[in-house]
Amino acid sequence: MRTISTHLSLSASLVASLCVACTDPGADPNELDNLEETAQASDSSTTSVTPLPSFTSTPNIQQAMALLSSPSVTAVLRTVSGFQIYRCDQGATAPEWKLRTPLAGLDLEPNVLRPSLNRARLASLVGNYHYRSDFGTLLASSQIDTLGLAVPAVNAPVWDFTFQPCDQPVHREVLAGRLLAQDTTSSTNIPMFLLEVRGRAIDPGTPSAIASATHVLRWNTRGGLAPAAATCDAASLGREVQSPYSANYYFLSTAP
């Protein structure tokens, strides 16, 4: 199945990243330490990696954000390889395209106001996937277990991070989100989302930028729509399509 092979290739990339994580000199460790110390000593307005975007064109998200207590941006990631995977399934009255799972590899977003701080906070990030924890039933549970994914085992969007500080064991953080609000700002792109983190699995040692996240904002979406409805008919039942997409993911932390 093409979906499985695509994910296996992503897994291979992650393994390769782990192998080079502690040999790549990257940023000056002293610079990263200084940035972290500066962030801890600064007030909440300056520790945000980037300001929240304007929500004037997304009234549903704007309303939901207004209910949050002092939200601040702790990290921003972007898709480097992303698909929305649809399957032609029988609907209530006729066959229709149904979203099964996203499947994306994410990396640090460099185009933020403080890119060095964004990099410092997630300096030991070596891999990150975004997918639905059950893979939309496209994979059997045994296949998901083999890939070492889908923790926590909930039927929800998942962000699966792998960190490896040099000379330390691999750390893993998995966040599961529940949709709070969405807005469709374009007929050619998938919606913007605001999700609440409702489940997490944490290994000791994961960066606080991720461990403290309470919400995830999917923003600046491009592409990812299902094929035209007419292309899903009785003869196409079971057909799967990968629709390329890109987006920025803002990880937010709210005051207790």
Protein backbone atom coordinates (compact mmCIF):
# COMPACT_ATOMS: atom_id res chain seq x y z
CA MET A 1 0.00 0.00 0.00
CA ARG A 2 1.36 3.40 -0.94
CA THR A 3 0.41 4.91 2.42
CA ILE A 4 2.49 2.35 4.31
CA SER A 5 5.52 2.72 2.04
CA THR A 6 5.41 6.49 2.40
CA HIS A 7 5.43 6.23 6.15
CA LEU A 8 8.20 3.69 6.17
CA SER A 9 10.34 6.07 4.12
CA LEU A 10 9.67 8.78 6.70
CA SER A 11 10.72 6.36 9.44
CA ALA A 12 13.97 5.68 7.62
CA SER A 13 14.64 9.40 7.50
CA LEU A 14 14.06 9.62 11.24
CA VAL A 15 16.56 6.83 11.91
CA ALA A 16 19.12 8.64 9.76
CA SER A 17 18.50 11.83 11.71
CA LEU A 18 19.12 10.02 14.98
CA CYS A 19 22.44 8.74 13.70
CA VAL A 20 23.76 12.20 12.87
CA ALA A 21 22.15 14.16 15.71
CA CYS A 22 25.22 14.18 17.92
CA THR A 23 27.78 14.54 15.16
CA ASP A 24 26.29 17.63 13.53
CA PRO A 25 27.92 20.63 15.21
CA GLY A 26 24.85 22.81 14.53
CA ALA A 27 24.63 25.93 16.67
CA ASP A 28 27.19 26.91 19.26
CA PRO A 29 26.10 25.23 22.54
CA ASN A 30 27.11 28.34 24.48
CA GLU A 31 24.86 30.43 22.25
CA LEU A 32 21.93 28.08 22.90
CA ASP A 33 22.55 28.16 26.65
CA ASN A 34 22.65 31.94 26.62
CA LEU A 35 19.42 32.12 24.66
CA GLU A 36 17.68 29.77 27.08
CA GLU A 37 18.91 31.76 30.07
CA THR A 38 17.71 34.97 28.43
CA ALA A 39 14.32 33.45 27.74
CA GLN A 40 13.94 32.29 31.33
CA ALA A 41 14.92 35.69 32.67
CA SER A 42 12.60 37.62 30.34
CA ASP A 43 8.92 38.29 30.84
CA SER A 44 6.25 36.32 29.03
CA SER A 45 5.84 38.95 26.31
CA THR A 46 9.44 38.53 25.15
CA THR A 47 9.73 34.76 25.54
CA SER A 48 7.19 34.13 22.82
CA VAL A 49 8.94 32.84 19.74
CA THR A 50 6.64 34.92 17.57
CA PRO A 51 3.47 36.91 18.16
CA LEU A 52 0.18 35.19 17.62
CA PRO A 53 -1.18 35.86 14.13
CA SER A 54 -4.17 38.10 13.58
CA PHE A 55 -7.45 36.23 13.83
CA THR A 56 -9.64 38.83 12.11
CA SER A 57 -10.28 36.49 9.17
CA THR A 58 -10.93 33.48 11.44
CA PRO A 59 -13.81 34.49 13.77
CA ASN A 60 -14.35 31.01 15.23
CA ILE A 61 -10.71 30.68 16.21
CA GLN A 62 -10.70 34.26 17.46
CA GLN A 63 -13.63 33.51 19.75
CA ALA A 64 -11.98 30.35 21.08
CA MET A 65 -8.64 32.11 21.62
CA ALA A 66 -10.39 34.84 23.61
CA LEU A 67 -11.36 32.20 26.19
CA LEU A 68 -7.77 31.11 26.79
CA SER A 69 -5.72 32.48 29.65
CA SER A 70 -2.69 34.46 28.43
CA PRO A 71 -1.71 32.18 25.52
CA SER A 72 1.91 32.46 24.37
CA VAL A 73 3.78 30.82 21.51
CA THR A 74 6.47 28.41 22.69
CA ALA A 75 7.47 26.86 19.35
CA VAL A 76 6.61 26.99 15.67
CA LEU A 77 7.02 24.11 13.22
CA ARG A 78 6.22 23.76 9.53
CA THR A 79 5.49 20.88 7.22
CA VAL A 80 8.44 19.68 5.19
CA SER A 81 6.53 16.74 3.71
CA GLY A 82 2.80 16.60 4.23
CA PHE A 83 -0.28 14.84 2.91
CA GLN A 84 -3.94 14.64 3.79
CA ILE A 85 -4.95 11.07 2.97
CA TYR A 86 -8.49 10.43 1.75
CA ARG A 87 -10.32 7.21 0.95
CA CYS A 88 -13.39 6.75 -1.23
CA ASP A 89 -15.92 5.24 1.18
CA GLN A 90 -19.64 4.69 1.17
CA GLY A 91 -21.43 7.69 2.68
CA ALA A 92 -24.97 7.98 3.99
CA THR A 93 -26.45 8.21 0.50
CA ALA A 94 -23.55 7.80 -1.94
CA PRO A 95 -19.80 7.18 -2.12
CA GLU A 96 -17.73 10.13 -0.88
CA TRP A 97 -14.14 11.08 -0.10
CA LYS A 98 -13.46 10.81 3.63
CA LEU A 99 -10.37 12.07 5.40
CA ARG A 100 -8.53 9.17 7.02
CA THR A 101 -5.36 10.77 8.40
CA PRO A 102 -2.79 13.49 7.89
CA LEU A 103 0.73 12.21 7.38
CA ALA A 104 3.38 14.88 7.72
CA GLY A 105 6.98 15.37 8.70
CA LEU A 106 7.59 18.67 10.50
CA ASP A 107 10.66 20.79 11.14
CA LEU A 108 11.46 24.10 12.82
CA GLU A 109 9.93 27.13 11.14
CA PRO A 110 12.82 29.54 10.45
CA ASN A 111 10.67 32.52 9.50
CA VAL A 112 9.79 33.69 12.98
CA LEU A 113 10.82 36.89 14.73
CA ARG A 114 13.29 35.09 16.96
CA PRO A 115 14.52 32.10 14.93
CA SER A 116 17.54 31.49 17.18
CA LEU A 117 15.27 31.14 20.19
CA ASN A 118 12.92 28.84 18.29
CA ARG A 119 15.95 26.69 17.40
CA ALA A 120 17.37 26.83 20.93
CA ARG A 121 14.17 25.67 22.55
CA LEU A 122 14.01 22.58 20.32
CA ALA A 123 17.71 22.13 19.69
CA SER A 124 17.64 18.38 20.31
CA LEU A 125 14.67 17.71 18.00
CA VAL A 126 15.65 15.04 15.49
CA GLY A 127 12.26 14.02 14.13
CA ASN A 128 8.58 14.79 14.28
CA TYR A 129 5.53 13.23 12.66
CA HIS A 130 1.95 14.42 12.56
CA TYR A 131 -0.76 11.83 11.93
CA ARG A 132 -4.00 10.43 13.30
CA SER A 133 -3.31 7.92 16.02
CA ASP A 134 -5.28 5.11 14.38
CA PHE A 135 -4.12 6.14 10.89
CA GLY A 136 -7.77 6.39 9.90
CA THR A 137 -7.97 2.57 9.81
CA LEU A 138 -5.55 2.56 6.86
CA LEU A 139 -3.11 0.46 8.90
CA ALA A 140 -3.78 -2.48 11.18
CA SER A 141 -2.92 -1.95 14.85
CA SER A 142 -0.09 -4.49 14.53
CA GLN A 143 1.45 -2.46 11.70
CA ILE A 144 1.22 0.75 13.76
CA ASP A 145 2.89 -1.01 16.69
CA THR A 146 5.68 -2.17 14.40
CA LEU A 147 6.33 1.44 13.39
CA GLY A 148 6.49 2.40 17.06
CA LEU A 149 3.84 5.11 16.71
CA ALA A 150 0.38 6.04 17.98
CA VAL A 151 0.96 6.78 21.65
CA PRO A 152 -1.32 7.68 23.37
CA ALA A 153 -3.72 5.22 21.76
CA VAL A 154 -6.60 7.60 21.18
CA ASN A 155 -8.56 8.35 18.04
CA ALA A 156 -7.18 11.86 17.61
CA PRO A 157 -4.61 13.99 15.75
CA VAL A 158 -1.16 13.28 17.16
CA TRP A 159 2.19 15.10 17.13
CA ASP A 160 4.97 12.60 17.76
CA PHE A 161 8.33 14.18 18.69
CA THR A 162 11.71 12.53 19.08
CA PHE A 163 14.51 14.38 20.88
CA GLN A 164 18.10 13.31 21.46
CA PRO A 165 20.36 15.64 23.38
CA CYS A 166 23.95 14.64 22.71
CA ASP A 167 25.26 11.86 24.96
CA GLN A 168 21.77 11.33 26.38
CA PRO A 169 19.08 8.74 25.73
CA VAL A 170 16.38 9.39 23.17
CA HIS A 171 13.37 11.25 24.60
CA ARG A 172 9.89 11.09 23.18
CA GLU A 173 6.87 13.32 23.54
CA VAL A 174 3.47 12.59 22.02
CA LEU A 175 0.61 15.08 22.11
CA ALA A 176 -2.99 14.28 21.16
CA GLY A 177 -5.34 17.13 20.27
CA ARG A 178 -9.09 17.71 20.35
CA LEU A 179 -10.58 20.20 17.89
CA LEU A 180 -11.89 23.40 19.49
CA ALA A 181 -12.51 25.66 16.48
CA GLN A 182 -11.94 25.87 12.76
CA ASP A 183 -12.28 28.42 9.97
CA THR A 184 -12.16 28.01 6.21
CA THR A 185 -10.62 31.11 4.67
CA SER A 186 -10.10 29.78 1.15
CA SER A 187 -11.89 27.36 -1.14
CA THR A 188 -8.53 25.94 -2.25
CA ASN A 189 -7.00 25.14 1.15
CA ILE A 190 -7.87 22.96 4.14
CA PRO A 191 -9.23 24.83 7.20
CA MET A 192 -7.28 26.51 9.97
CA PHE A 193 -7.62 24.66 13.30
CA LEU A 194 -7.25 25.37 16.99
CA LEU A 195 -6.87 22.20 19.04
CA GLU A 196 -6.62 21.58 22.75
CA VAL A 197 -4.03 19.08 23.99
CA ARG A 198 -6.13 16.39 25.63
CA GLY A 199 -3.61 13.57 25.91
CA ARG A 200 0.13 13.27 26.17
CA ALA A 201 2.87 10.72 26.78
CA ILE A 202 6.08 12.25 28.07
CA ASP A 203 9.57 10.89 28.60
CA PRO A 204 11.65 12.78 31.17
CA GLY A 205 13.96 15.29 29.55
CA THR A 206 11.75 16.61 26.74
CA PRO A 207 12.04 20.37 26.17
CA SER A 208 9.60 22.53 28.11
CA ALA A 209 8.52 24.24 24.89
CA ILE A 210 6.71 21.05 23.94
CA ALA A 211 6.03 19.57 27.37
CA SER A 212 4.17 22.74 28.40
CA ALA A 213 2.02 22.99 25.27
CA THR A 214 -1.69 23.18 26.00
CA HIS A 215 -2.95 24.05 22.50
CA VAL A 216 -1.92 23.65 18.87
CA LEU A 217 -2.83 26.10 16.11
CA ARG A 218 -2.75 24.94 12.50
CA TRP A 219 -2.18 28.08 10.46
CA ASN A 220 -1.28 29.29 6.98
CA THR A 221 -2.61 26.15 5.33
CA ARG A 222 -2.02 25.45 1.65
CA GLY A 223 -3.62 22.65 -0.40
CA GLY A 224 -4.68 19.34 1.13
CA LEU A 225 -8.24 19.23 -0.20
CA ALA A 226 -10.01 16.03 -1.22
CA PRO A 227 -10.40 15.27 -4.94
CA ALA A 228 -13.55 16.36 -6.73
CA ALA A 229 -16.65 14.59 -5.43
CA ALA A 230 -17.41 13.15 -8.87
CA THR A 231 -14.19 11.12 -8.79
CA CYS A 232 -15.53 8.95 -5.94
CA ASP A 233 -18.16 6.52 -7.19
CA ALA A 234 -19.17 2.91 -6.69
CA ALA A 235 -16.33 1.75 -8.92
CA SER A 236 -13.79 3.72 -6.86
CA LEU A 237 -14.71 2.47 -3.38
CA GLY A 238 -11.56 1.78 -1.36
CA ARG A 239 -9.35 4.01 -3.49
CA GLU A 240 -6.90 6.14 -1.49
CA VAL A 241 -5.48 9.52 -2.50
CA GLN A 242 -2.67 11.55 -0.92
CA SER A 243 -3.33 15.28 -1.24
CA PRO A 244 -0.17 17.38 -0.61
CA TYR A 245 -0.50 20.20 1.92
CA SER A 246 1.60 22.60 3.93
CA ALA A 247 0.92 24.46 7.17
CA ASN A 248 2.55 26.10 10.15
CA TYR A 249 1.92 24.63 13.60
CA TYR A 250 2.02 27.01 16.56
CA PHE A 251 2.46 25.30 19.93
CA LEU A 252 0.84 27.40 22.62
CA SER A 253 1.09 27.44 26.39
CA THR A 254 -1.58 29.07 28.53
CA ALA A 255 -1.32 30.43 32.04
CA PRO A 256 -2.47 27.94 34.72
